[in-house]
Amino acid sequence: MLRTITLGSCVSVQGTFVRTMPGGRIAVQVDKTIYAGTPIPKKN
């Protein structure tokens, strides 16, 4: 499942969901790199 997260105030990353982390953050994987950040809410 693809998810989008924000890293800081301006940078967004979209990748494959890996896991939920403490504090409401999630981790996504892009190629071999895993990024952790705040998820962008899904639109209805």
N, C-alpha and C. Protein backbone atom coordinates (compact mmCIF):
# COMPACT_ATOMS: atom_id res chain seq x y z
N MET A 1 0.84 -1.16 0.00
CA MET A 1 0.00 0.00 0.00
C MET A 1 0.89 1.24 0.00
N LEU A 2 0.66 2.15 -0.91
CA LEU A 2 1.44 3.39 -0.96
C LEU A 2 0.92 4.38 0.07
N ARG A 3 1.83 5.05 0.76
CA ARG A 3 1.48 6.09 1.74
C ARG A 3 2.40 7.28 1.50
N THR A 4 1.92 8.45 1.88
CA THR A 4 2.69 9.68 1.75
C THR A 4 2.94 10.24 3.14
N ILE A 5 4.19 10.66 3.39
CA ILE A 5 4.55 11.25 4.67
C ILE A 5 5.24 12.59 4.42
N THR A 6 5.30 13.41 5.46
CA THR A 6 6.06 14.65 5.38
C THR A 6 7.30 14.53 6.26
N LEU A 7 8.39 15.07 5.75
CA LEU A 7 9.66 15.13 6.49
C LEU A 7 9.96 16.62 6.66
N GLY A 8 9.76 17.13 7.84
CA GLY A 8 9.95 18.56 8.05
C GLY A 8 8.73 19.32 7.56
N SER A 9 8.95 20.55 7.08
CA SER A 9 7.81 21.38 6.70
C SER A 9 7.52 21.37 5.20
N CYS A 10 8.49 20.98 4.38
CA CYS A 10 8.31 21.11 2.93
C CYS A 10 8.50 19.82 2.12
N VAL A 11 9.13 18.83 2.68
CA VAL A 11 9.49 17.64 1.92
C VAL A 11 8.48 16.53 2.14
N SER A 12 7.95 15.98 1.06
CA SER A 12 7.03 14.84 1.12
C SER A 12 7.68 13.64 0.45
N VAL A 13 7.39 12.44 0.98
CA VAL A 13 7.91 11.20 0.42
C VAL A 13 6.74 10.24 0.27
N GLN A 14 6.67 9.58 -0.89
CA GLN A 14 5.63 8.57 -1.11
C GLN A 14 6.32 7.23 -1.33
N GLY A 15 5.89 6.23 -0.56
CA GLY A 15 6.49 4.92 -0.69
C GLY A 15 5.60 3.84 -0.12
N THR A 16 6.11 2.64 -0.07
CA THR A 16 5.37 1.48 0.42
C THR A 16 5.37 1.48 1.95
N PHE A 17 4.19 1.33 2.54
CA PHE A 17 4.05 1.33 4.00
C PHE A 17 4.87 0.19 4.59
N VAL A 18 5.63 0.51 5.68
CA VAL A 18 6.45 -0.50 6.35
C VAL A 18 5.89 -0.80 7.73
N ARG A 19 5.73 0.25 8.58
CA ARG A 19 5.24 0.02 9.94
C ARG A 19 4.78 1.34 10.57
N THR A 20 4.02 1.20 11.65
CA THR A 20 3.61 2.34 12.46
C THR A 20 4.63 2.49 13.58
N MET A 21 4.99 3.73 13.86
CA MET A 21 6.00 4.01 14.89
C MET A 21 5.35 4.79 16.03
N PRO A 22 6.01 4.86 17.18
CA PRO A 22 5.45 5.61 18.31
C PRO A 22 5.25 7.08 17.95
N GLY A 23 4.25 7.68 18.57
CA GLY A 23 3.99 9.10 18.35
C GLY A 23 3.18 9.40 17.11
N GLY A 24 2.59 8.37 16.47
CA GLY A 24 1.75 8.60 15.31
C GLY A 24 2.50 8.67 13.99
N ARG A 25 3.80 8.47 14.02
CA ARG A 25 4.58 8.49 12.78
C ARG A 25 4.50 7.13 12.10
N ILE A 26 4.78 7.10 10.79
CA ILE A 26 4.84 5.84 10.06
C ILE A 26 6.13 5.78 9.27
N ALA A 27 6.51 4.59 8.86
CA ALA A 27 7.70 4.39 8.04
C ALA A 27 7.28 3.90 6.67
N VAL A 28 7.92 4.44 5.63
CA VAL A 28 7.68 4.00 4.26
C VAL A 28 9.02 3.67 3.62
N GLN A 29 9.00 2.77 2.64
CA GLN A 29 10.23 2.36 1.97
C GLN A 29 10.20 2.81 0.52
N VAL A 30 11.30 3.44 0.09
CA VAL A 30 11.50 3.84 -1.30
C VAL A 30 12.80 3.18 -1.74
N ASP A 31 12.68 2.26 -2.69
CA ASP A 31 13.82 1.43 -3.10
C ASP A 31 14.35 0.70 -1.85
N LYS A 32 15.58 0.95 -1.44
CA LYS A 32 16.13 0.26 -0.27
C LYS A 32 16.20 1.15 0.96
N THR A 33 15.69 2.39 0.85
CA THR A 33 15.76 3.36 1.95
C THR A 33 14.42 3.45 2.66
N ILE A 34 14.45 3.47 4.00
CA ILE A 34 13.24 3.62 4.80
C ILE A 34 13.22 5.01 5.42
N TYR A 35 12.10 5.72 5.22
CA TYR A 35 11.91 7.06 5.76
C TYR A 35 10.81 7.00 6.81
N ALA A 36 10.94 7.82 7.86
CA ALA A 36 9.90 7.91 8.89
C ALA A 36 9.45 9.35 8.97
N GLY A 37 8.13 9.54 9.07
CA GLY A 37 7.59 10.88 9.16
C GLY A 37 6.12 10.87 9.51
N THR A 38 5.53 12.04 9.45
CA THR A 38 4.12 12.22 9.78
C THR A 38 3.26 11.88 8.56
N PRO A 39 2.27 11.01 8.71
CA PRO A 39 1.44 10.65 7.56
C PRO A 39 0.53 11.80 7.14
N ILE A 40 0.31 11.90 5.84
CA ILE A 40 -0.65 12.84 5.29
C ILE A 40 -2.00 12.11 5.28
N PRO A 41 -3.05 12.74 5.85
CA PRO A 41 -4.35 12.06 5.91
C PRO A 41 -4.92 11.74 4.53
N LYS A 42 -5.62 10.63 4.45
CA LYS A 42 -6.26 10.22 3.20
C LYS A 42 -7.48 11.11 2.97
N LYS A 43 -7.71 11.48 1.71
CA LYS A 43 -8.90 12.25 1.37
C LYS A 43 -10.05 11.30 1.09
N ASN A 44 -11.24 11.71 1.44
CA ASN A 44 -12.42 10.87 1.22
C ASN A 44 -13.00 11.07 -0.15
